[in-house]
Amino acid sequence: MSSHNFDRGEFLGHPKGLFLLFTTELWERFSYYAMRAILVLYLVDKVSNDGGHGLGWTQADALSLYGTFTGLVYLTPLIGGWLADNYLGQRKAILIGGALMAIGQFLLGTPHAWVPGMEITVFYLGLGTLILGNGLFKPNISTMVGDLYQEGDHRRDGAFTIFYMGINIGAAMSAILVGSVVKAYGGNFQAGFVLAGVGMVLSLIIQAIWAKKLLGDIGTVPAAKLQQAKQKSSKKEPLTSEERDRIKVIMVMGLFTIIFWAGFEQAGGLMNLFTNEFTDRMIGSWEVPTAWFQSLNAIFIVVFAPVIASIWVRMGDREPNSPVKFALGLVLLAIGFLFMIGAVMEMGGDPSAKSSMWWLVGAYFFHTMGELCLSPIGLSMVTKLAPLRIASLMMGAWFLFIAAANYIGGIVGSFIGHGGAKEEQLANALGIFAGIAITAVLSGILLYFMSNKLVDWMHGAEDGHHKDELEALEEEVAVTAEHEAMPRN
């Protein structure tokens, strides 16, 4: 609920502050996804005097680090949110976090010739700064979106729809632009990191110039006192049996969440390397940059979220419950990996051959459809089911599940092996894709048969509300928040 009754003007029926936050978030996500699209490619690029711009790591080491990095990206927002609530306020946290992220990107973009013998140190320093900056920036901006509206304002859901679209537009733009820049500079990944840094600086400038004018005092005062007042009254009450059941649902769904995201996050890791090494990316005489494929997920969300939202609404009472949707998401993830298996099979075990890029497009399409089936689950499920007095603890536990998924995803991807012959890498990739597909299908089947029991444990949290198309669309595009460590208040 907002207590900020100022009138800063409207645009398209919403406070102008929404579009400030939308643009700030768009460029921040542009920056993050640009870096993510080229990180493992940079790590495995061979070091040479005639054009190699990377660190020359093995694929296994690169994927392991990628999993550790993305896992930490989900943990630091817990600390950043606490600091903002208790000491900094959201606005200051966003500016400090954004500045750290920009510094991190520029450290990654430092040419090796400028820091001879210090490349690895500067690289780790850049990654560490990015992780810390993300922790301060990420959890705080969506809270400010909610604060633009009074309690009960019907425009609030639509505002989050617009905001989440900003995330996807930023993500879609990033991989295409960074891939083009890296290609234009002859495979120089440092140029891509610098572009990501420029995106972050744009985000900071936009926030610094217009925040006071368009947001008033929103986000300037830490929220801890209000939270403490709410918690004092019910702090020592024991959990009821109904509350314990609902917590069980969060824990069970959390385990299935690990399976889904560990597979899904192969996109930026193993599938990214497969695209680079084993995919025919030629259209006539022009080669599609590897990083461009990282935009497919965001593009598919923007295009198909309204379609999926409409389907759920039109199904009415026949709409599946949340666990069944999640089970469907796991099966769709598996179908996506069947396309990756098809890509490997097309090569016939010959590492000098290349698979069609359409296998990748199909894989990303089904992975995105699976992701869109998860929108009623995840963060929204935690907010519905967690007892109010331990809601923050439960949200923290949920982010731990997602952090674990990213870390495990990196370990799974690293089974491609340390160096070795390309035949061996190809065989290992086939085994990984098949293993994930089988695990996802079996998990989906198990969850389907558990769904009725889980719904019983929810004690009515799923009942009695029929969404309109705007609410359903907001739910679908909010699926991005699931892997953005981004709760909304």
Protein backbone atom coordinates (compact mmCIF):
# COMPACT_ATOMS: atom_id res chain seq x y z
CA MET A 1 0.00 0.00 0.00
CA SER A 2 1.23 3.49 -0.80
CA SER A 3 0.96 6.50 1.41
CA HIS A 4 2.33 8.83 -1.22
CA ASN A 5 -0.53 11.03 -2.37
CA PHE A 6 1.34 13.18 -4.85
CA ASP A 7 0.29 13.87 -8.42
CA ARG A 8 3.19 13.63 -10.83
CA GLY A 9 1.03 13.36 -13.93
CA GLU A 10 -0.04 10.35 -15.95
CA PHE A 11 0.92 8.70 -19.22
CA LEU A 12 -1.28 6.07 -20.90
CA GLY A 13 -3.46 6.02 -17.78
CA HIS A 14 -0.62 5.24 -15.35
CA PRO A 15 1.61 7.45 -13.15
CA LYS A 16 4.63 8.68 -15.10
CA GLY A 17 6.80 7.15 -12.37
CA LEU A 18 5.86 3.70 -13.69
CA PHE A 19 7.55 4.44 -17.00
CA LEU A 20 10.62 5.76 -15.20
CA LEU A 21 10.89 2.45 -13.29
CA PHE A 22 10.07 0.51 -16.49
CA THR A 23 12.92 2.22 -18.38
CA THR A 24 15.35 1.90 -15.45
CA GLU A 25 14.63 -1.82 -15.21
CA LEU A 26 14.72 -2.32 -18.99
CA TRP A 27 18.30 -1.02 -19.23
CA GLU A 28 19.41 -2.86 -16.10
CA ARG A 29 18.07 -6.14 -17.53
CA PHE A 30 19.65 -5.27 -20.87
CA SER A 31 22.97 -4.97 -19.07
CA TYR A 32 22.62 -8.22 -17.11
CA TYR A 33 21.41 -10.38 -20.00
CA ALA A 34 24.01 -8.98 -22.39
CA MET A 35 26.72 -10.12 -19.96
CA ARG A 36 24.98 -13.46 -19.36
CA ALA A 37 24.72 -14.15 -23.10
CA ILE A 38 28.48 -14.00 -23.63
CA LEU A 39 29.93 -15.04 -20.25
CA VAL A 40 30.60 -18.73 -20.99
CA LEU A 41 31.61 -17.90 -24.57
CA TYR A 42 34.23 -15.49 -23.19
CA LEU A 43 35.49 -18.05 -20.68
CA VAL A 44 36.06 -20.79 -23.28
CA ASP A 45 37.43 -18.54 -26.05
CA LYS A 46 41.05 -19.45 -26.70
CA VAL A 47 43.71 -16.98 -25.65
CA SER A 48 45.89 -16.05 -28.64
CA ASN A 49 47.78 -13.15 -30.14
CA ASP A 50 45.76 -13.23 -33.36
CA GLY A 51 42.20 -12.70 -32.20
CA GLY A 52 41.46 -14.82 -29.13
CA HIS A 53 39.89 -12.57 -26.50
CA GLY A 54 38.83 -15.04 -23.81
CA LEU A 55 40.35 -16.81 -20.82
CA GLY A 56 40.82 -20.22 -22.47
CA TRP A 57 38.96 -22.27 -19.83
CA THR A 58 37.58 -25.75 -20.43
CA GLN A 59 33.84 -25.99 -21.08
CA ALA A 60 33.33 -27.86 -17.80
CA ASP A 61 35.09 -25.16 -15.75
CA ALA A 62 33.19 -22.40 -17.57
CA LEU A 63 29.80 -24.04 -16.94
CA SER A 64 30.64 -24.73 -13.30
CA LEU A 65 31.53 -21.07 -12.75
CA TYR A 66 28.39 -19.98 -14.63
CA GLY A 67 26.25 -22.05 -12.25
CA THR A 68 28.00 -20.62 -9.18
CA PHE A 69 27.62 -17.05 -10.48
CA THR A 70 23.91 -17.34 -11.34
CA GLY A 71 23.29 -19.10 -8.01
CA LEU A 72 24.85 -16.21 -6.08
CA VAL A 73 22.79 -13.75 -8.13
CA TYR A 74 19.70 -15.24 -6.39
CA LEU A 75 21.17 -15.13 -2.89
CA THR A 76 22.47 -11.55 -2.65
CA PRO A 77 19.00 -9.93 -3.15
CA LEU A 78 18.02 -11.39 0.24
CA ILE A 79 20.80 -9.30 1.80
CA GLY A 80 20.14 -6.29 -0.44
CA GLY A 81 16.44 -6.29 0.40
CA TRP A 82 17.23 -6.40 4.12
CA LEU A 83 19.71 -3.50 3.83
CA ALA A 84 17.19 -1.41 1.88
CA ASP A 85 14.39 -2.15 4.36
CA ASN A 86 16.49 -1.40 7.44
CA TYR A 87 19.07 1.21 6.47
CA LEU A 88 19.24 2.49 2.89
CA GLY A 89 15.73 2.79 1.48
CA GLN A 90 14.98 1.47 -2.00
CA ARG A 91 16.11 4.49 -3.99
CA LYS A 92 19.58 4.67 -2.47
CA ALA A 93 19.98 0.88 -2.76
CA ILE A 94 19.13 1.04 -6.47
CA LEU A 95 21.68 3.81 -7.15
CA ILE A 96 24.47 2.10 -5.18
CA GLY A 97 23.65 -1.29 -6.71
CA GLY A 98 23.46 0.13 -10.22
CA ALA A 99 26.83 1.88 -9.82
CA LEU A 100 28.43 -1.37 -8.60
CA MET A 101 26.94 -3.29 -11.54
CA ALA A 102 28.25 -0.73 -14.04
CA ILE A 103 31.73 -0.95 -12.45
CA GLY A 104 31.53 -4.75 -12.61
CA GLN A 105 30.66 -4.72 -16.33
CA PHE A 106 33.51 -2.33 -17.14
CA LEU A 107 35.94 -4.48 -15.13
CA LEU A 108 34.88 -7.49 -17.23
CA GLY A 109 35.38 -5.32 -20.33
CA THR A 110 38.94 -4.34 -19.39
CA PRO A 111 41.26 -5.36 -22.29
CA HIS A 112 43.78 -7.98 -21.22
CA ALA A 113 46.61 -5.81 -22.56
CA TRP A 114 45.80 -3.20 -19.90
CA VAL A 115 46.20 -5.66 -17.01
CA PRO A 116 48.94 -8.12 -18.08
CA GLY A 117 49.06 -11.10 -15.73
CA MET A 118 46.04 -9.79 -13.79
CA GLU A 119 43.27 -10.91 -16.17
CA ILE A 120 41.79 -13.52 -13.82
CA THR A 121 41.94 -11.20 -10.79
CA VAL A 122 40.16 -8.40 -12.67
CA PHE A 123 37.61 -10.91 -13.99
CA TYR A 124 36.73 -12.22 -10.52
CA LEU A 125 36.64 -8.68 -9.15
CA GLY A 126 34.18 -7.74 -11.92
CA LEU A 127 31.94 -10.75 -11.24
CA GLY A 128 31.98 -10.13 -7.48
CA THR A 129 31.06 -6.47 -7.94
CA LEU A 130 28.22 -7.47 -10.29
CA ILE A 131 26.85 -9.96 -7.73
CA LEU A 132 26.91 -7.37 -4.93
CA GLY A 133 25.35 -4.69 -7.13
CA ASN A 134 22.60 -7.04 -8.29
CA GLY A 135 21.78 -7.82 -4.67
CA LEU A 136 21.11 -4.16 -3.94
CA PHE A 137 19.32 -3.32 -7.19
CA LYS A 138 17.15 -6.29 -7.97
CA PRO A 139 14.78 -6.76 -5.00
CA ASN A 140 13.96 -3.09 -4.55
CA ILE A 141 12.70 -1.69 -7.83
CA SER A 142 9.55 -3.84 -8.09
CA THR A 143 8.53 -2.81 -4.56
CA MET A 144 8.51 0.79 -5.76
CA VAL A 145 6.15 -0.11 -8.63
CA GLY A 146 3.56 -1.27 -6.10
CA ASP A 147 4.04 1.89 -4.03
CA LEU A 148 2.92 4.07 -6.94
CA TYR A 149 -0.66 2.91 -6.38
CA GLN A 150 -3.08 3.21 -3.49
CA GLU A 151 -4.47 -0.02 -2.04
CA GLY A 152 -7.34 -1.30 -4.20
CA ASP A 153 -6.26 0.65 -7.30
CA HIS A 154 -7.43 -1.51 -10.21
CA ARG A 155 -4.51 -0.32 -12.36
CA ARG A 156 -1.90 -2.09 -10.20
CA ASP A 157 -1.95 -5.47 -11.99
CA GLY A 158 -1.71 -3.72 -15.35
CA ALA A 159 1.27 -1.76 -14.04
CA PHE A 160 3.16 -4.96 -13.24
CA THR A 161 2.30 -6.32 -16.68
CA ILE A 162 3.92 -3.25 -18.25
CA PHE A 163 6.89 -3.55 -15.87
CA TYR A 164 7.50 -7.24 -16.62
CA MET A 165 7.28 -6.50 -20.34
CA GLY A 166 10.16 -4.08 -19.76
CA ILE A 167 12.25 -6.95 -18.43
CA ASN A 168 11.56 -9.05 -21.50
CA ILE A 169 12.16 -6.21 -23.96
CA GLY A 170 15.49 -5.48 -22.26
CA ALA A 171 16.44 -9.18 -22.35
CA ALA A 172 15.43 -9.55 -26.01
CA MET A 173 17.36 -6.45 -27.10
CA SER A 174 20.45 -7.34 -25.10
CA ALA A 175 21.51 -10.61 -26.69
CA ILE A 176 20.86 -9.31 -30.22
CA LEU A 177 22.83 -6.10 -29.69
CA VAL A 178 25.69 -7.66 -27.72
CA GLY A 179 26.01 -10.48 -30.26
CA SER A 180 26.17 -7.92 -33.06
CA VAL A 181 28.80 -5.82 -31.26
CA VAL A 182 31.00 -8.84 -30.46
CA LYS A 183 30.76 -9.96 -34.11
CA ALA A 184 31.50 -6.41 -35.40
CA TYR A 185 34.64 -6.25 -33.25
CA GLY A 186 35.97 -9.57 -34.52
CA GLY A 187 34.89 -11.72 -31.59
CA ASN A 188 36.08 -9.26 -28.94
CA PHE A 189 33.96 -10.12 -25.90
CA GLN A 190 35.33 -7.14 -23.96
CA ALA A 191 33.38 -4.89 -26.36
CA GLY A 192 30.22 -6.78 -25.36
CA PHE A 193 30.88 -6.28 -21.64
CA VAL A 194 31.50 -2.57 -22.23
CA LEU A 195 28.15 -2.37 -24.07
CA ALA A 196 26.51 -4.03 -21.04
CA GLY A 197 28.19 -1.42 -18.82
CA VAL A 198 26.85 1.38 -21.01
CA GLY A 199 23.33 -0.07 -20.60
CA MET A 200 23.74 -0.01 -16.83
CA VAL A 201 25.00 3.60 -16.90
CA LEU A 202 21.91 4.57 -18.93
CA SER A 203 19.72 2.94 -16.28
CA LEU A 204 21.51 4.91 -13.55
CA ILE A 205 21.32 8.25 -15.38
CA ILE A 206 17.59 7.84 -16.04
CA GLN A 207 16.94 7.04 -12.36
CA ALA A 208 19.16 9.85 -11.02
CA ILE A 209 17.69 12.60 -13.24
CA TRP A 210 13.96 11.86 -13.03
CA ALA A 211 13.41 9.93 -9.77
CA LYS A 212 12.80 12.95 -7.55
CA LYS A 213 10.43 14.55 -10.05
CA LEU A 214 8.37 11.46 -10.88
CA LEU A 215 8.56 9.34 -7.71
CA GLY A 216 8.40 11.95 -4.95
CA ASP A 217 9.49 10.34 -1.66
CA ILE A 218 8.74 6.75 -2.72
CA GLY A 219 11.64 4.48 -1.78
CA THR A 220 13.51 7.09 0.26
CA VAL A 221 12.57 5.84 3.74
CA PRO A 222 13.51 2.33 5.00
CA ALA A 223 10.42 0.18 5.59
CA ALA A 224 11.63 -1.71 8.67
CA LYS A 225 9.49 0.09 11.27
CA LEU A 226 6.25 -0.72 9.46
CA GLN A 227 7.24 -4.37 9.11
CA GLN A 228 8.22 -4.66 12.77
CA ALA A 229 4.88 -3.22 13.84
CA LYS A 230 3.05 -5.78 11.70
CA GLN A 231 5.09 -8.70 13.00
CA LYS A 232 4.99 -7.94 16.74
CA SER A 233 1.36 -8.90 17.22
CA SER A 234 1.68 -12.42 15.84
CA LYS A 235 5.35 -13.21 16.27
CA LYS A 236 5.06 -15.87 18.99
CA GLU A 237 1.92 -17.63 17.84
CA PRO A 238 2.51 -21.31 16.99
CA LEU A 239 1.77 -22.47 13.45
CA THR A 240 -1.67 -24.01 12.94
CA SER A 241 -2.07 -27.38 11.19
CA GLU A 242 -3.44 -25.53 8.13
CA GLU A 243 -0.37 -23.28 8.02
CA ARG A 244 1.93 -26.31 8.35
CA ASP A 245 0.16 -27.97 5.41
CA ARG A 246 0.62 -24.85 3.29
CA ILE A 247 4.32 -24.71 4.17
CA LYS A 248 4.59 -28.37 3.09
CA VAL A 249 3.24 -27.36 -0.33
CA ILE A 250 5.94 -24.66 -0.65
CA MET A 251 8.66 -27.15 0.29
CA VAL A 252 7.43 -29.89 -2.09
CA MET A 253 7.01 -27.46 -4.98
CA GLY A 254 10.45 -26.07 -4.19
CA LEU A 255 12.02 -29.47 -4.91
CA PHE A 256 10.31 -29.65 -8.30
CA THR A 257 11.38 -26.05 -8.91
CA ILE A 258 15.02 -27.11 -8.59
CA ILE A 259 14.50 -29.73 -11.31
CA PHE A 260 12.82 -27.29 -13.71
CA TRP A 261 15.28 -24.41 -13.36
CA ALA A 262 18.37 -26.65 -13.36
CA GLY A 263 17.23 -27.76 -16.83
CA PHE A 264 15.98 -24.39 -18.00
CA GLU A 265 19.20 -22.58 -17.05
CA GLN A 266 21.20 -24.71 -19.49
CA ALA A 267 20.12 -21.96 -21.93
CA GLY A 268 22.91 -19.60 -20.92
CA GLY A 269 25.40 -22.39 -20.32
CA LEU A 270 25.51 -25.74 -22.11
CA MET A 271 23.00 -24.83 -24.84
CA ASN A 272 24.92 -21.60 -25.45
CA LEU A 273 28.16 -23.55 -25.96
CA PHE A 274 26.36 -26.12 -28.15
CA THR A 275 25.07 -23.26 -30.31
CA ASN A 276 28.59 -21.91 -30.66
CA GLU A 277 30.38 -25.19 -31.35
CA PHE A 278 27.95 -27.55 -33.05
CA THR A 279 25.20 -25.50 -34.74
CA ASP A 280 25.03 -24.39 -38.38
CA ARG A 281 24.21 -20.71 -37.94
CA MET A 282 24.63 -19.73 -41.59
CA ILE A 283 21.87 -17.96 -43.51
CA GLY A 284 23.31 -17.73 -47.01
CA SER A 285 26.75 -16.22 -46.52
CA TRP A 286 25.89 -14.56 -43.18
CA GLU A 287 26.42 -16.22 -39.80
CA VAL A 288 23.89 -15.60 -36.99
CA PRO A 289 25.82 -14.55 -33.84
CA THR A 290 25.65 -17.19 -31.10
CA ALA A 291 24.38 -14.71 -28.51
CA TRP A 292 21.26 -13.92 -30.58
CA PHE A 293 19.68 -17.24 -29.59
CA GLN A 294 19.62 -16.03 -25.97
CA SER A 295 16.91 -13.55 -27.02
CA LEU A 296 14.46 -16.26 -28.11
CA ASN A 297 13.10 -16.89 -24.61
CA ALA A 298 12.23 -13.24 -24.01
CA ILE A 299 10.74 -12.81 -27.49
CA PHE A 300 8.58 -15.92 -27.07
CA ILE A 301 7.33 -14.64 -23.68
CA VAL A 302 6.29 -11.28 -25.16
CA VAL A 303 4.55 -12.99 -28.11
CA PHE A 304 2.90 -15.96 -26.39
CA ALA A 305 2.12 -14.73 -22.86
CA PRO A 306 -1.14 -13.09 -24.07
CA VAL A 307 -2.08 -16.32 -25.89
CA ILE A 308 -1.51 -18.54 -22.83
CA ALA A 309 -3.30 -16.04 -20.57
CA SER A 310 -6.31 -16.07 -22.91
CA ILE A 311 -6.36 -19.90 -22.99
CA TRP A 312 -6.47 -20.15 -19.17
CA VAL A 313 -9.31 -17.61 -18.96
CA ARG A 314 -11.36 -19.28 -21.69
CA MET A 315 -11.01 -22.66 -19.97
CA GLY A 316 -12.92 -21.24 -16.98
CA ASP A 317 -13.63 -23.97 -14.42
CA ARG A 318 -11.64 -26.47 -16.50
CA GLU A 319 -8.40 -24.53 -15.96
CA PRO A 320 -5.85 -26.91 -14.39
CA ASN A 321 -4.72 -26.28 -10.83
CA SER A 322 -1.25 -24.93 -10.07
CA PRO A 323 0.55 -28.28 -9.46
CA VAL A 324 -0.88 -29.70 -12.72
CA LYS A 325 0.31 -26.62 -14.62
CA PHE A 326 3.73 -27.09 -13.05
CA ALA A 327 3.74 -30.77 -14.09
CA LEU A 328 2.87 -29.68 -17.64
CA GLY A 329 5.77 -27.22 -17.49
CA LEU A 330 8.19 -30.04 -16.62
CA VAL A 331 6.92 -32.15 -19.54
CA LEU A 332 7.29 -29.19 -21.93
CA LEU A 333 10.85 -28.70 -20.66
CA ALA A 334 11.53 -32.36 -21.52
CA ILE A 335 10.08 -31.89 -25.03
CA GLY A 336 12.48 -28.97 -25.49
CA PHE A 337 15.40 -31.25 -24.66
CA LEU A 338 14.09 -33.82 -27.18
CA PHE A 339 14.85 -31.14 -29.78
CA MET A 340 18.41 -30.88 -28.42
CA ILE A 341 18.71 -34.68 -28.66
CA GLY A 342 17.50 -34.38 -32.27
CA ALA A 343 20.24 -31.81 -32.92
CA VAL A 344 22.92 -34.21 -31.66
CA MET A 345 21.43 -37.17 -33.58
CA GLU A 346 21.40 -35.16 -36.81
CA MET A 347 25.17 -34.86 -36.54
CA GLY A 348 25.50 -38.66 -36.51
CA GLY A 349 28.37 -38.61 -34.04
CA ASP A 350 30.52 -36.54 -36.41
CA PRO A 351 31.85 -33.50 -34.50
CA SER A 352 32.84 -31.80 -37.76
CA ALA A 353 29.17 -31.80 -38.83
CA LYS A 354 26.74 -29.09 -37.75
CA SER A 355 23.12 -29.37 -36.65
CA SER A 356 20.31 -27.17 -37.90
CA MET A 357 19.58 -24.03 -35.85
CA TRP A 358 15.86 -24.91 -36.02
CA TRP A 359 16.42 -27.58 -33.37
CA LEU A 360 17.50 -24.77 -31.02
CA VAL A 361 14.53 -22.59 -31.92
CA GLY A 362 12.21 -25.53 -31.11
CA ALA A 363 14.00 -26.20 -27.81
CA TYR A 364 13.76 -22.58 -26.67
CA PHE A 365 10.10 -22.44 -27.75
CA PHE A 366 9.07 -25.45 -25.65
CA HIS A 367 11.20 -24.32 -22.71
CA THR A 368 9.40 -20.96 -22.79
CA MET A 369 5.99 -22.64 -23.01
CA GLY A 370 6.99 -24.70 -19.95
CA GLU A 371 8.05 -21.54 -18.17
CA LEU A 372 4.71 -19.88 -18.94
CA CYS A 373 2.92 -22.82 -17.31
CA LEU A 374 4.66 -21.96 -14.03
CA SER A 375 3.28 -18.45 -13.65
CA PRO A 376 0.65 -19.33 -10.99
CA ILE A 377 3.36 -21.11 -9.00
CA GLY A 378 6.58 -19.72 -7.58
CA LEU A 379 6.61 -16.30 -6.02
CA SER A 380 2.84 -15.83 -6.18
CA MET A 381 2.33 -19.22 -4.51
CA VAL A 382 4.65 -18.27 -1.66
CA THR A 383 2.81 -15.00 -1.08
CA LYS A 384 -0.54 -16.87 -1.04
CA LEU A 385 0.49 -19.78 1.15
CA ALA A 386 3.14 -18.51 3.59
CA PRO A 387 1.86 -17.40 7.02
CA LEU A 388 2.21 -13.61 7.22
CA ARG A 389 4.60 -13.70 10.20
CA ILE A 390 7.13 -15.87 8.33
CA ALA A 391 6.45 -14.63 4.77
CA SER A 392 9.96 -13.16 4.39
CA LEU A 393 11.52 -16.38 5.66
CA MET A 394 9.51 -18.43 3.16
CA MET A 395 10.43 -16.06 0.31
CA GLY A 396 14.07 -16.47 1.31
CA ALA A 397 13.65 -20.26 1.27
CA TRP A 398 12.12 -20.03 -2.22
CA PHE A 399 15.13 -18.07 -3.50
CA LEU A 400 17.39 -20.71 -1.94
CA PHE A 401 15.62 -23.32 -4.11
CA ILE A 402 16.23 -21.20 -7.23
CA ALA A 403 19.85 -20.52 -6.24
CA ALA A 404 20.37 -24.27 -5.74
CA ALA A 405 18.80 -24.93 -9.14
CA ASN A 406 21.26 -22.59 -10.85
CA TYR A 407 24.23 -24.08 -9.03
CA ILE A 408 23.11 -27.65 -9.81
CA GLY A 409 22.43 -26.62 -13.42
CA GLY A 410 26.06 -25.51 -13.71
CA ILE A 411 27.30 -28.82 -12.29
CA VAL A 412 25.05 -30.82 -14.66
CA GLY A 413 26.26 -28.80 -17.66
CA SER A 414 29.90 -29.30 -16.63
CA PHE A 415 29.51 -33.06 -17.22
CA ILE A 416 30.28 -32.24 -20.85
CA GLY A 417 33.86 -32.79 -19.71
CA HIS A 418 37.19 -31.05 -19.31
CA GLY A 419 38.54 -30.54 -22.80
CA GLY A 420 38.94 -33.86 -24.55
CA ALA A 421 37.91 -34.84 -28.06
CA LYS A 422 34.83 -33.22 -29.59
CA GLU A 423 33.34 -36.68 -30.16
CA GLU A 424 33.45 -37.20 -26.40
CA GLN A 425 31.92 -33.77 -25.72
CA LEU A 426 29.13 -34.50 -28.19
CA ALA A 427 28.37 -37.85 -26.56
CA ASN A 428 28.40 -36.24 -23.11
CA ALA A 429 26.05 -33.47 -24.31
CA LEU A 430 23.64 -36.12 -25.62
CA GLY A 431 23.72 -37.86 -22.24
CA ILE A 432 23.06 -34.60 -20.39
CA PHE A 433 20.12 -33.62 -22.64
CA ALA A 434 18.60 -37.10 -22.35
CA GLY A 435 19.15 -37.21 -18.58
CA ILE A 436 17.41 -33.87 -18.06
CA ALA A 437 14.50 -34.89 -20.34
CA ILE A 438 13.95 -38.20 -18.51
CA THR A 439 14.21 -36.56 -15.06
CA ALA A 440 11.77 -33.80 -16.08
CA VAL A 441 9.17 -36.26 -17.47
CA LEU A 442 9.32 -38.55 -14.44
CA SER A 443 9.08 -35.54 -12.11
CA GLY A 444 6.11 -34.18 -14.08
CA ILE A 445 4.29 -37.53 -13.84
CA LEU A 446 5.00 -37.79 -10.11
CA LEU A 447 3.79 -34.23 -9.51
CA TYR A 448 0.63 -34.85 -11.55
CA PHE A 449 -0.32 -37.76 -9.28
CA MET A 450 0.50 -35.66 -6.18
CA SER A 451 -1.49 -32.64 -7.38
CA ASN A 452 -4.80 -33.40 -5.63
CA LYS A 453 -3.05 -33.92 -2.29
CA LEU A 454 -1.12 -30.66 -2.71
CA VAL A 455 -4.33 -28.77 -3.51
CA ASP A 456 -5.90 -30.25 -0.34
CA TRP A 457 -2.90 -28.97 1.66
CA MET A 458 -3.44 -25.48 0.22
CA HIS A 459 -6.74 -25.31 2.14
CA GLY A 460 -8.63 -23.21 -0.37
CA ALA A 461 -5.83 -20.89 -1.49
CA GLU A 462 -6.65 -21.84 -5.11
CA ASP A 463 -10.42 -21.50 -4.84
CA GLY A 464 -13.05 -18.96 -5.55
CA HIS A 465 -11.44 -16.41 -7.85
CA HIS A 466 -11.87 -16.31 -11.61
CA LYS A 467 -9.33 -14.16 -13.41
CA ASP A 468 -10.05 -11.76 -16.24
CA GLU A 469 -7.64 -11.59 -19.20
CA LEU A 470 -5.62 -8.69 -17.74
CA GLU A 471 -5.01 -10.57 -14.48
CA ALA A 472 -4.13 -13.75 -16.40
CA LEU A 473 -1.72 -11.82 -18.65
CA GLU A 474 -0.09 -10.22 -15.61
CA GLU A 475 0.40 -13.72 -14.19
CA GLU A 476 1.95 -15.01 -17.41
CA VAL A 477 4.47 -12.21 -17.93
CA ALA A 478 5.28 -12.29 -14.20
CA VAL A 479 6.90 -15.66 -14.85
CA THR A 480 10.03 -13.60 -15.52
CA ALA A 481 10.07 -12.64 -11.84
CA GLU A 482 10.48 -16.32 -10.98
CA HIS A 483 14.07 -16.32 -12.24
CA GLU A 484 14.76 -12.65 -11.54
CA ALA A 485 14.80 -12.97 -7.72
CA MET A 486 12.19 -10.24 -7.78
CA PRO A 487 9.31 -10.38 -5.30
CA ARG A 488 6.55 -7.81 -5.66
CA ASN A 489 4.76 -6.38 -2.64
